[in-house]
Amino acid sequence: MRAFTDLHTNLKQTTPVRFRHIRVLDSLLVISIRTEILIRAIFEKMVTPSAPRDLADVFNHFADKCPKKSKDRSILGRVADKANRALTELSGKPHDIFLNIDCLSPEPGKNLPAHNIFKTILRFVTARNYFAHHSFKDESLNNQVSELAGKVLVSCVESVVYIDSVFH
């Protein structure tokens, strides 16, 4: 809303519009969208030239490309799983958008690093969903020292690095 207000105010002026007020929120929004674009680009290069529209289908196809019984197949398949995808939905406007993900315990027999990667990708998907459909946490995300903003940034970067490392 602030960005629209600033743009409206600037458009009333006779001087050129200058976008000098960079907000953490705006940067996180762009990073989450660009993360999805990078993941889709990896998909189109390594799996098939046309990525499915649904991000869950992208992860499901990624999982199918991994060797059977591999940790990567397990991680990516769990991200695409319908029950886990439900954790990324924010229609209830939770106080902590990552709480349901952060509370997940590792499955018996699964190693902790793989579980943490799984949760990181779910956090990215949640952040992407948040920025595409919601605004109820904008104040929390617009703070440079926000733990929430840090989690969004880390989840985006780590998701791209992980997926790129699996498919290159």
N, C-alpha and C. Protein backbone atom coordinates (compact mmCIF):
# COMPACT_ATOMS: atom_id res chain seq x y z
N MET A 1 0.83 -1.18 0.00
CA MET A 1 0.00 0.00 0.00
C MET A 1 0.88 1.25 0.00
N ARG A 2 1.97 1.18 0.79
CA ARG A 2 2.86 2.34 0.84
C ARG A 2 3.45 2.65 -0.53
N ALA A 3 3.80 1.60 -1.28
CA ALA A 3 4.40 1.80 -2.60
C ALA A 3 3.41 2.50 -3.53
N PHE A 4 2.13 2.13 -3.46
CA PHE A 4 1.11 2.80 -4.29
C PHE A 4 0.92 4.24 -3.85
N THR A 5 0.91 4.48 -2.56
CA THR A 5 0.77 5.84 -2.05
C THR A 5 1.93 6.70 -2.50
N ASP A 6 3.16 6.18 -2.36
CA ASP A 6 4.34 6.93 -2.80
C ASP A 6 4.28 7.21 -4.30
N LEU A 7 3.90 6.21 -5.08
CA LEU A 7 3.81 6.40 -6.52
C LEU A 7 2.77 7.45 -6.87
N HIS A 8 1.62 7.38 -6.21
CA HIS A 8 0.56 8.36 -6.45
C HIS A 8 1.05 9.77 -6.12
N THR A 9 1.72 9.93 -5.00
CA THR A 9 2.25 11.23 -4.59
C THR A 9 3.28 11.72 -5.61
N ASN A 10 4.18 10.83 -6.03
CA ASN A 10 5.22 11.22 -6.99
C ASN A 10 4.65 11.58 -8.35
N LEU A 11 3.58 10.90 -8.75
CA LEU A 11 3.00 11.19 -10.06
C LEU A 11 2.32 12.56 -10.10
N LYS A 12 1.95 13.10 -8.96
CA LYS A 12 1.35 14.43 -8.89
C LYS A 12 2.39 15.53 -9.09
N GLN A 13 3.66 15.19 -8.88
CA GLN A 13 4.73 16.18 -8.99
C GLN A 13 5.10 16.38 -10.45
N THR A 14 5.69 17.54 -10.72
CA THR A 14 6.12 17.84 -12.09
C THR A 14 7.56 17.39 -12.33
N THR A 15 8.27 17.02 -11.27
CA THR A 15 9.65 16.55 -11.43
C THR A 15 9.64 15.04 -11.70
N PRO A 16 10.75 14.52 -12.22
CA PRO A 16 10.81 13.07 -12.50
C PRO A 16 10.60 12.24 -11.22
N VAL A 17 9.95 11.09 -11.39
CA VAL A 17 9.73 10.17 -10.27
C VAL A 17 11.05 9.48 -9.95
N ARG A 18 11.41 9.47 -8.68
CA ARG A 18 12.63 8.80 -8.23
C ARG A 18 12.23 7.74 -7.21
N PHE A 19 12.65 6.52 -7.48
CA PHE A 19 12.36 5.41 -6.57
C PHE A 19 13.54 5.24 -5.62
N ARG A 20 13.59 6.08 -4.61
CA ARG A 20 14.70 6.08 -3.67
C ARG A 20 14.38 5.35 -2.38
N HIS A 21 13.14 5.13 -2.09
CA HIS A 21 12.75 4.55 -0.81
C HIS A 21 12.63 3.04 -0.94
N ILE A 22 13.78 2.39 -0.91
CA ILE A 22 13.77 0.94 -1.01
C ILE A 22 13.34 0.37 0.35
N ARG A 23 12.37 -0.49 0.30
CA ARG A 23 11.87 -1.11 1.52
C ARG A 23 12.32 -2.57 1.55
N VAL A 24 12.58 -3.07 2.73
CA VAL A 24 12.92 -4.47 2.91
C VAL A 24 11.82 -5.33 2.29
N LEU A 25 10.60 -4.97 2.53
CA LEU A 25 9.45 -5.71 2.01
C LEU A 25 9.51 -5.82 0.49
N ASP A 26 9.82 -4.74 -0.19
CA ASP A 26 9.90 -4.76 -1.65
C ASP A 26 11.01 -5.70 -2.12
N SER A 27 12.14 -5.66 -1.44
CA SER A 27 13.26 -6.53 -1.80
C SER A 27 12.91 -7.99 -1.58
N LEU A 28 12.26 -8.31 -0.47
CA LEU A 28 11.86 -9.69 -0.20
C LEU A 28 10.86 -10.19 -1.23
N LEU A 29 9.94 -9.33 -1.62
CA LEU A 29 8.97 -9.70 -2.63
C LEU A 29 9.67 -10.06 -3.93
N VAL A 30 10.58 -9.22 -4.37
CA VAL A 30 11.30 -9.47 -5.62
C VAL A 30 12.15 -10.74 -5.49
N ILE A 31 12.82 -10.91 -4.36
CA ILE A 31 13.66 -12.10 -4.16
C ILE A 31 12.82 -13.37 -4.20
N SER A 32 11.66 -13.37 -3.58
CA SER A 32 10.84 -14.59 -3.59
C SER A 32 10.32 -14.89 -4.99
N ILE A 33 9.93 -13.87 -5.72
CA ILE A 33 9.46 -14.08 -7.10
C ILE A 33 10.62 -14.56 -7.98
N ARG A 34 11.77 -13.94 -7.84
CA ARG A 34 12.94 -14.34 -8.64
C ARG A 34 13.40 -15.74 -8.27
N THR A 35 13.23 -16.13 -7.02
CA THR A 35 13.58 -17.50 -6.62
C THR A 35 12.72 -18.49 -7.39
N GLU A 36 11.43 -18.22 -7.45
CA GLU A 36 10.56 -19.11 -8.23
C GLU A 36 10.99 -19.14 -9.70
N ILE A 37 11.34 -17.99 -10.25
CA ILE A 37 11.77 -17.93 -11.65
C ILE A 37 13.04 -18.74 -11.85
N LEU A 38 14.00 -18.64 -10.93
CA LEU A 38 15.23 -19.42 -11.04
C LEU A 38 14.96 -20.91 -10.94
N ILE A 39 14.09 -21.30 -10.02
CA ILE A 39 13.74 -22.72 -9.87
C ILE A 39 13.08 -23.23 -11.15
N ARG A 40 12.20 -22.44 -11.72
CA ARG A 40 11.57 -22.84 -12.98
C ARG A 40 12.59 -22.90 -14.12
N ALA A 41 13.55 -22.00 -14.13
CA ALA A 41 14.59 -22.02 -15.16
C ALA A 41 15.44 -23.29 -15.05
N ILE A 42 15.78 -23.67 -13.83
CA ILE A 42 16.52 -24.93 -13.62
C ILE A 42 15.68 -26.09 -14.12
N PHE A 43 14.40 -26.07 -13.80
CA PHE A 43 13.49 -27.12 -14.25
C PHE A 43 13.48 -27.21 -15.77
N GLU A 44 13.32 -26.07 -16.43
CA GLU A 44 13.22 -26.06 -17.89
C GLU A 44 14.52 -26.47 -18.57
N LYS A 45 15.63 -26.25 -17.89
CA LYS A 45 16.92 -26.66 -18.45
C LYS A 45 17.19 -28.14 -18.19
N MET A 46 16.81 -28.64 -17.02
CA MET A 46 17.21 -29.98 -16.62
C MET A 46 16.11 -31.04 -16.76
N VAL A 47 14.85 -30.63 -16.82
CA VAL A 47 13.76 -31.61 -16.83
C VAL A 47 13.03 -31.58 -18.17
N THR A 48 12.38 -30.49 -18.47
CA THR A 48 11.65 -30.34 -19.74
C THR A 48 11.51 -28.85 -20.04
N PRO A 49 11.46 -28.47 -21.29
CA PRO A 49 11.44 -27.04 -21.65
C PRO A 49 10.20 -26.26 -21.20
N SER A 50 9.19 -26.94 -20.72
CA SER A 50 7.98 -26.23 -20.30
C SER A 50 7.60 -26.63 -18.88
N ALA A 51 7.82 -25.73 -17.93
CA ALA A 51 7.52 -26.02 -16.53
C ALA A 51 6.01 -25.98 -16.29
N PRO A 52 5.51 -26.89 -15.45
CA PRO A 52 4.08 -26.83 -15.10
C PRO A 52 3.76 -25.52 -14.39
N ARG A 53 2.52 -25.12 -14.48
CA ARG A 53 2.09 -23.87 -13.84
C ARG A 53 2.16 -23.98 -12.32
N ASP A 54 1.75 -25.11 -11.79
CA ASP A 54 1.70 -25.32 -10.34
C ASP A 54 3.10 -25.64 -9.82
N LEU A 55 3.56 -24.86 -8.85
CA LEU A 55 4.88 -25.06 -8.29
C LEU A 55 5.03 -26.44 -7.65
N ALA A 56 3.96 -26.98 -7.08
CA ALA A 56 4.01 -28.33 -6.50
C ALA A 56 4.34 -29.36 -7.58
N ASP A 57 3.80 -29.17 -8.77
CA ASP A 57 4.09 -30.09 -9.88
C ASP A 57 5.56 -30.00 -10.29
N VAL A 58 6.12 -28.80 -10.22
CA VAL A 58 7.55 -28.63 -10.51
C VAL A 58 8.36 -29.48 -9.55
N PHE A 59 8.06 -29.37 -8.25
CA PHE A 59 8.80 -30.16 -7.26
C PHE A 59 8.57 -31.66 -7.44
N ASN A 60 7.36 -32.04 -7.80
CA ASN A 60 7.06 -33.44 -8.03
C ASN A 60 7.88 -33.99 -9.20
N HIS A 61 7.96 -33.22 -10.30
CA HIS A 61 8.78 -33.63 -11.44
C HIS A 61 10.26 -33.66 -11.08
N PHE A 62 10.71 -32.69 -10.29
CA PHE A 62 12.09 -32.72 -9.81
C PHE A 62 12.35 -34.03 -9.06
N ALA A 63 11.44 -34.39 -8.18
CA ALA A 63 11.60 -35.62 -7.40
C ALA A 63 11.70 -36.83 -8.32
N ASP A 64 10.86 -36.86 -9.34
CA ASP A 64 10.86 -37.99 -10.28
C ASP A 64 12.18 -38.11 -11.04
N LYS A 65 12.89 -36.99 -11.21
CA LYS A 65 14.17 -37.01 -11.92
C LYS A 65 15.32 -37.52 -11.04
N CYS A 66 15.10 -37.57 -9.75
CA CYS A 66 16.15 -38.02 -8.83
C CYS A 66 16.15 -39.55 -8.74
N PRO A 67 17.30 -40.15 -8.46
CA PRO A 67 17.35 -41.61 -8.32
C PRO A 67 16.39 -42.10 -7.22
N LYS A 68 15.78 -43.24 -7.46
CA LYS A 68 14.88 -43.83 -6.46
C LYS A 68 15.65 -44.02 -5.15
N LYS A 69 14.96 -43.82 -4.06
CA LYS A 69 15.49 -43.98 -2.70
C LYS A 69 16.59 -43.00 -2.35
N SER A 70 16.77 -41.94 -3.15
CA SER A 70 17.78 -40.93 -2.81
C SER A 70 17.18 -39.92 -1.84
N LYS A 71 18.04 -39.28 -1.07
CA LYS A 71 17.55 -38.27 -0.13
C LYS A 71 16.93 -37.09 -0.88
N ASP A 72 17.48 -36.75 -2.06
CA ASP A 72 16.94 -35.64 -2.83
C ASP A 72 15.53 -35.95 -3.32
N ARG A 73 15.31 -37.17 -3.77
CA ARG A 73 13.96 -37.57 -4.21
C ARG A 73 12.99 -37.49 -3.04
N SER A 74 13.43 -37.91 -1.87
CA SER A 74 12.59 -37.86 -0.68
C SER A 74 12.25 -36.42 -0.31
N ILE A 75 13.26 -35.56 -0.30
CA ILE A 75 13.05 -34.15 0.07
C ILE A 75 12.07 -33.49 -0.89
N LEU A 76 12.35 -33.60 -2.18
CA LEU A 76 11.52 -32.91 -3.18
C LEU A 76 10.13 -33.52 -3.26
N GLY A 77 10.03 -34.83 -3.09
CA GLY A 77 8.72 -35.47 -3.07
C GLY A 77 7.88 -35.04 -1.88
N ARG A 78 8.53 -34.88 -0.74
CA ARG A 78 7.81 -34.42 0.46
C ARG A 78 7.33 -32.98 0.30
N VAL A 79 8.11 -32.15 -0.40
CA VAL A 79 7.67 -30.77 -0.66
C VAL A 79 6.41 -30.79 -1.51
N ALA A 80 6.34 -31.69 -2.48
CA ALA A 80 5.19 -31.76 -3.39
C ALA A 80 3.98 -32.45 -2.76
N ASP A 81 4.18 -33.16 -1.66
CA ASP A 81 3.10 -33.89 -1.00
C ASP A 81 1.97 -32.94 -0.58
N LYS A 82 0.75 -33.36 -0.85
CA LYS A 82 -0.42 -32.51 -0.60
C LYS A 82 -0.53 -32.06 0.87
N ALA A 83 -0.27 -32.97 1.79
CA ALA A 83 -0.37 -32.62 3.22
C ALA A 83 0.68 -31.57 3.59
N ASN A 84 1.87 -31.69 3.05
CA ASN A 84 2.91 -30.71 3.34
C ASN A 84 2.65 -29.39 2.64
N ARG A 85 2.11 -29.46 1.43
CA ARG A 85 1.74 -28.21 0.72
C ARG A 85 0.72 -27.42 1.51
N ALA A 86 -0.16 -28.12 2.22
CA ALA A 86 -1.17 -27.43 3.02
C ALA A 86 -0.53 -26.55 4.09
N LEU A 87 0.67 -26.89 4.51
CA LEU A 87 1.38 -26.09 5.52
C LEU A 87 1.80 -24.73 4.97
N THR A 88 1.82 -24.60 3.66
CA THR A 88 2.25 -23.34 3.03
C THR A 88 1.08 -22.40 2.75
N GLU A 89 -0.13 -22.86 3.00
CA GLU A 89 -1.32 -22.04 2.78
C GLU A 89 -1.49 -21.07 3.93
N LEU A 90 -1.90 -19.86 3.64
CA LEU A 90 -1.97 -18.81 4.65
C LEU A 90 -3.35 -18.18 4.77
N SER A 91 -4.38 -18.89 4.30
CA SER A 91 -5.72 -18.30 4.31
C SER A 91 -6.21 -17.96 5.72
N GLY A 92 -5.70 -18.65 6.72
CA GLY A 92 -6.09 -18.36 8.11
C GLY A 92 -5.34 -17.19 8.72
N LYS A 93 -4.45 -16.56 7.96
CA LYS A 93 -3.65 -15.43 8.43
C LYS A 93 -2.99 -15.71 9.78
N PRO A 94 -2.12 -16.72 9.83
CA PRO A 94 -1.48 -17.07 11.11
C PRO A 94 -0.56 -15.96 11.61
N HIS A 95 -0.40 -15.90 12.92
CA HIS A 95 0.49 -14.92 13.53
C HIS A 95 1.93 -15.13 13.05
N ASP A 96 2.36 -16.40 12.99
CA ASP A 96 3.69 -16.76 12.51
C ASP A 96 3.49 -17.60 11.26
N ILE A 97 3.84 -17.08 10.09
CA ILE A 97 3.56 -17.78 8.84
C ILE A 97 4.36 -19.06 8.69
N PHE A 98 5.45 -19.21 9.44
CA PHE A 98 6.27 -20.41 9.34
C PHE A 98 6.10 -21.38 10.50
N LEU A 99 5.22 -21.08 11.44
CA LEU A 99 5.10 -21.89 12.66
C LEU A 99 4.83 -23.36 12.36
N ASN A 100 3.87 -23.66 11.48
CA ASN A 100 3.54 -25.05 11.19
C ASN A 100 4.72 -25.79 10.57
N ILE A 101 5.53 -25.09 9.82
CA ILE A 101 6.71 -25.70 9.21
C ILE A 101 7.80 -25.87 10.25
N ASP A 102 8.03 -24.84 11.05
CA ASP A 102 9.08 -24.90 12.06
C ASP A 102 8.83 -25.98 13.10
N CYS A 103 7.56 -26.33 13.31
CA CYS A 103 7.21 -27.34 14.31
C CYS A 103 7.32 -28.78 13.78
N LEU A 104 7.58 -28.93 12.50
CA LEU A 104 7.70 -30.28 11.95
C LEU A 104 8.91 -31.01 12.54
N SER A 105 8.67 -32.23 12.96
CA SER A 105 9.76 -33.07 13.47
C SER A 105 10.27 -33.95 12.35
N PRO A 106 11.56 -34.30 12.41
CA PRO A 106 12.08 -35.18 11.37
C PRO A 106 11.37 -36.54 11.40
N GLU A 107 11.18 -37.11 10.22
CA GLU A 107 10.61 -38.44 10.16
C GLU A 107 11.61 -39.42 10.74
N PRO A 108 11.13 -40.47 11.38
CA PRO A 108 12.06 -41.48 11.90
C PRO A 108 12.95 -42.02 10.78
N GLY A 109 14.24 -42.08 11.06
CA GLY A 109 15.19 -42.59 10.08
C GLY A 109 15.69 -41.56 9.09
N LYS A 110 15.12 -40.36 9.09
CA LYS A 110 15.59 -39.31 8.17
C LYS A 110 16.66 -38.49 8.87
N ASN A 111 17.67 -38.07 8.11
CA ASN A 111 18.72 -37.29 8.76
C ASN A 111 18.29 -35.83 8.90
N LEU A 112 18.86 -35.18 9.88
CA LEU A 112 18.48 -33.80 10.20
C LEU A 112 18.80 -32.81 9.07
N PRO A 113 19.96 -32.89 8.41
CA PRO A 113 20.20 -31.94 7.31
C PRO A 113 19.14 -32.04 6.21
N ALA A 114 18.73 -33.25 5.85
CA ALA A 114 17.70 -33.41 4.82
C ALA A 114 16.38 -32.83 5.30
N HIS A 115 16.06 -33.02 6.56
CA HIS A 115 14.82 -32.46 7.12
C HIS A 115 14.87 -30.93 7.09
N ASN A 116 16.01 -30.37 7.40
CA ASN A 116 16.14 -28.91 7.39
C ASN A 116 16.02 -28.34 5.98
N ILE A 117 16.55 -29.04 4.99
CA ILE A 117 16.40 -28.60 3.59
C ILE A 117 14.92 -28.64 3.21
N PHE A 118 14.26 -29.72 3.57
CA PHE A 118 12.82 -29.86 3.31
C PHE A 118 12.05 -28.67 3.90
N LYS A 119 12.32 -28.33 5.16
CA LYS A 119 11.63 -27.21 5.80
C LYS A 119 11.99 -25.88 5.14
N THR A 120 13.23 -25.73 4.72
CA THR A 120 13.64 -24.49 4.05
C THR A 120 12.86 -24.28 2.76
N ILE A 121 12.70 -25.34 1.97
CA ILE A 121 11.96 -25.22 0.71
C ILE A 121 10.49 -24.92 1.00
N LEU A 122 9.92 -25.55 2.02
CA LEU A 122 8.53 -25.23 2.39
C LEU A 122 8.41 -23.77 2.82
N ARG A 123 9.41 -23.24 3.52
CA ARG A 123 9.38 -21.82 3.90
C ARG A 123 9.41 -20.93 2.66
N PHE A 124 10.24 -21.29 1.68
CA PHE A 124 10.26 -20.52 0.43
C PHE A 124 8.88 -20.53 -0.22
N VAL A 125 8.26 -21.72 -0.33
CA VAL A 125 6.94 -21.82 -0.97
C VAL A 125 5.93 -20.97 -0.19
N THR A 126 6.02 -20.99 1.12
CA THR A 126 5.13 -20.18 1.95
C THR A 126 5.35 -18.69 1.68
N ALA A 127 6.61 -18.28 1.62
CA ALA A 127 6.94 -16.87 1.34
C ALA A 127 6.41 -16.47 -0.03
N ARG A 128 6.61 -17.33 -1.00
CA ARG A 128 6.11 -17.05 -2.35
C ARG A 128 4.60 -16.90 -2.33
N ASN A 129 3.91 -17.79 -1.63
CA ASN A 129 2.46 -17.70 -1.52
C ASN A 129 2.04 -16.42 -0.80
N TYR A 130 2.78 -16.08 0.25
CA TYR A 130 2.47 -14.86 0.99
C TYR A 130 2.54 -13.65 0.05
N PHE A 131 3.65 -13.50 -0.65
CA PHE A 131 3.84 -12.31 -1.49
C PHE A 131 2.90 -12.29 -2.69
N ALA A 132 2.45 -13.44 -3.13
CA ALA A 132 1.52 -13.48 -4.26
C ALA A 132 0.08 -13.18 -3.86
N HIS A 133 -0.28 -13.47 -2.59
CA HIS A 133 -1.70 -13.42 -2.22
C HIS A 133 -2.04 -12.65 -0.95
N HIS A 134 -1.06 -12.20 -0.18
CA HIS A 134 -1.37 -11.64 1.14
C HIS A 134 -0.59 -10.36 1.44
N SER A 135 -1.00 -9.69 2.51
CA SER A 135 -0.28 -8.50 2.97
C SER A 135 -0.33 -8.36 4.50
N PHE A 136 -0.90 -9.33 5.18
CA PHE A 136 -1.16 -9.17 6.62
C PHE A 136 0.10 -9.14 7.49
N LYS A 137 1.27 -9.53 6.98
CA LYS A 137 2.51 -9.49 7.76
C LYS A 137 3.49 -8.44 7.21
N ASP A 138 3.01 -7.54 6.37
CA ASP A 138 3.90 -6.57 5.73
C ASP A 138 4.70 -5.75 6.73
N GLU A 139 4.08 -5.34 7.81
CA GLU A 139 4.81 -4.54 8.80
C GLU A 139 5.98 -5.32 9.40
N SER A 140 5.75 -6.60 9.71
CA SER A 140 6.81 -7.44 10.27
C SER A 140 7.91 -7.69 9.26
N LEU A 141 7.55 -7.81 8.01
CA LEU A 141 8.53 -8.10 6.96
C LEU A 141 9.29 -6.87 6.52
N ASN A 142 8.81 -5.70 6.85
CA ASN A 142 9.45 -4.47 6.39
C ASN A 142 10.51 -3.96 7.36
N ASN A 143 10.88 -4.76 8.32
CA ASN A 143 11.85 -4.37 9.33
C ASN A 143 13.19 -5.05 9.03
N GLN A 144 14.26 -4.26 8.94
CA GLN A 144 15.57 -4.81 8.59
C GLN A 144 16.10 -5.82 9.61
N VAL A 145 15.65 -5.76 10.84
CA VAL A 145 16.14 -6.69 11.86
C VAL A 145 15.09 -7.74 12.21
N SER A 146 14.13 -7.92 11.33
CA SER A 146 13.06 -8.88 11.55
C SER A 146 13.55 -10.31 11.36
N GLU A 147 13.27 -11.17 12.33
CA GLU A 147 13.58 -12.59 12.20
C GLU A 147 12.81 -13.19 11.02
N LEU A 148 11.59 -12.74 10.85
CA LEU A 148 10.76 -13.22 9.75
C LEU A 148 11.39 -12.88 8.40
N ALA A 149 11.84 -11.63 8.26
CA ALA A 149 12.49 -11.23 7.00
C ALA A 149 13.74 -12.06 6.75
N GLY A 150 14.49 -12.32 7.79
CA GLY A 150 15.69 -13.16 7.67
C GLY A 150 15.36 -14.56 7.20
N LYS A 151 14.29 -15.14 7.75
CA LYS A 151 13.89 -16.49 7.35
C LYS A 151 13.46 -16.53 5.89
N VAL A 152 12.77 -15.48 5.43
CA VAL A 152 12.36 -15.43 4.03
C VAL A 152 13.59 -15.41 3.13
N LEU A 153 14.53 -14.52 3.43
CA LEU A 153 15.74 -14.40 2.62
C LEU A 153 16.52 -15.71 2.59
N VAL A 154 16.76 -16.29 3.75
CA VAL A 154 17.52 -17.54 3.83
C VAL A 154 16.80 -18.66 3.08
N SER A 155 15.49 -18.75 3.22
CA SER A 155 14.77 -19.83 2.54
C SER A 155 14.86 -19.70 1.03
N CYS A 156 14.82 -18.49 0.52
CA CYS A 156 14.93 -18.29 -0.93
C CYS A 156 16.31 -18.68 -1.44
N VAL A 157 17.34 -18.16 -0.80
CA VAL A 157 18.71 -18.44 -1.23
C VAL A 157 19.02 -19.93 -1.12
N GLU A 158 18.73 -20.52 0.03
CA GLU A 158 19.06 -21.93 0.23
C GLU A 158 18.26 -22.84 -0.70
N SER A 159 17.03 -22.49 -1.02
CA SER A 159 16.23 -23.32 -1.93
C SER A 159 16.85 -23.36 -3.32
N VAL A 160 17.25 -22.20 -3.84
CA VAL A 160 17.87 -22.15 -5.16
C VAL A 160 19.21 -22.89 -5.16
N VAL A 161 20.02 -22.65 -4.15
CA VAL A 161 21.33 -23.30 -4.09
C VAL A 161 21.16 -24.82 -4.02
N TYR A 162 20.23 -25.29 -3.20
CA TYR A 162 20.01 -26.74 -3.08
C TYR A 162 19.55 -27.33 -4.41
N ILE A 163 18.52 -26.76 -5.01
CA ILE A 163 17.98 -27.32 -6.26
C ILE A 163 19.04 -27.27 -7.37
N ASP A 164 19.78 -26.18 -7.44
CA ASP A 164 20.84 -26.10 -8.43
C ASP A 164 21.90 -27.17 -8.19
N SER A 165 22.23 -27.43 -6.93
CA SER A 165 23.25 -28.43 -6.63
C SER A 165 22.77 -29.85 -6.97
N VAL A 166 21.49 -30.10 -6.88
CA VAL A 166 20.95 -31.42 -7.19
C VAL A 166 20.97 -31.66 -8.70
N PHE A 167 20.72 -30.63 -9.49
CA PHE A 167 20.56 -30.81 -10.92
C PHE A 167 21.72 -30.31 -11.77
N HIS A 168 22.85 -30.02 -11.17
CA HIS A 168 24.03 -29.65 -11.95
C HIS A 168 25.20 -30.51 -11.58
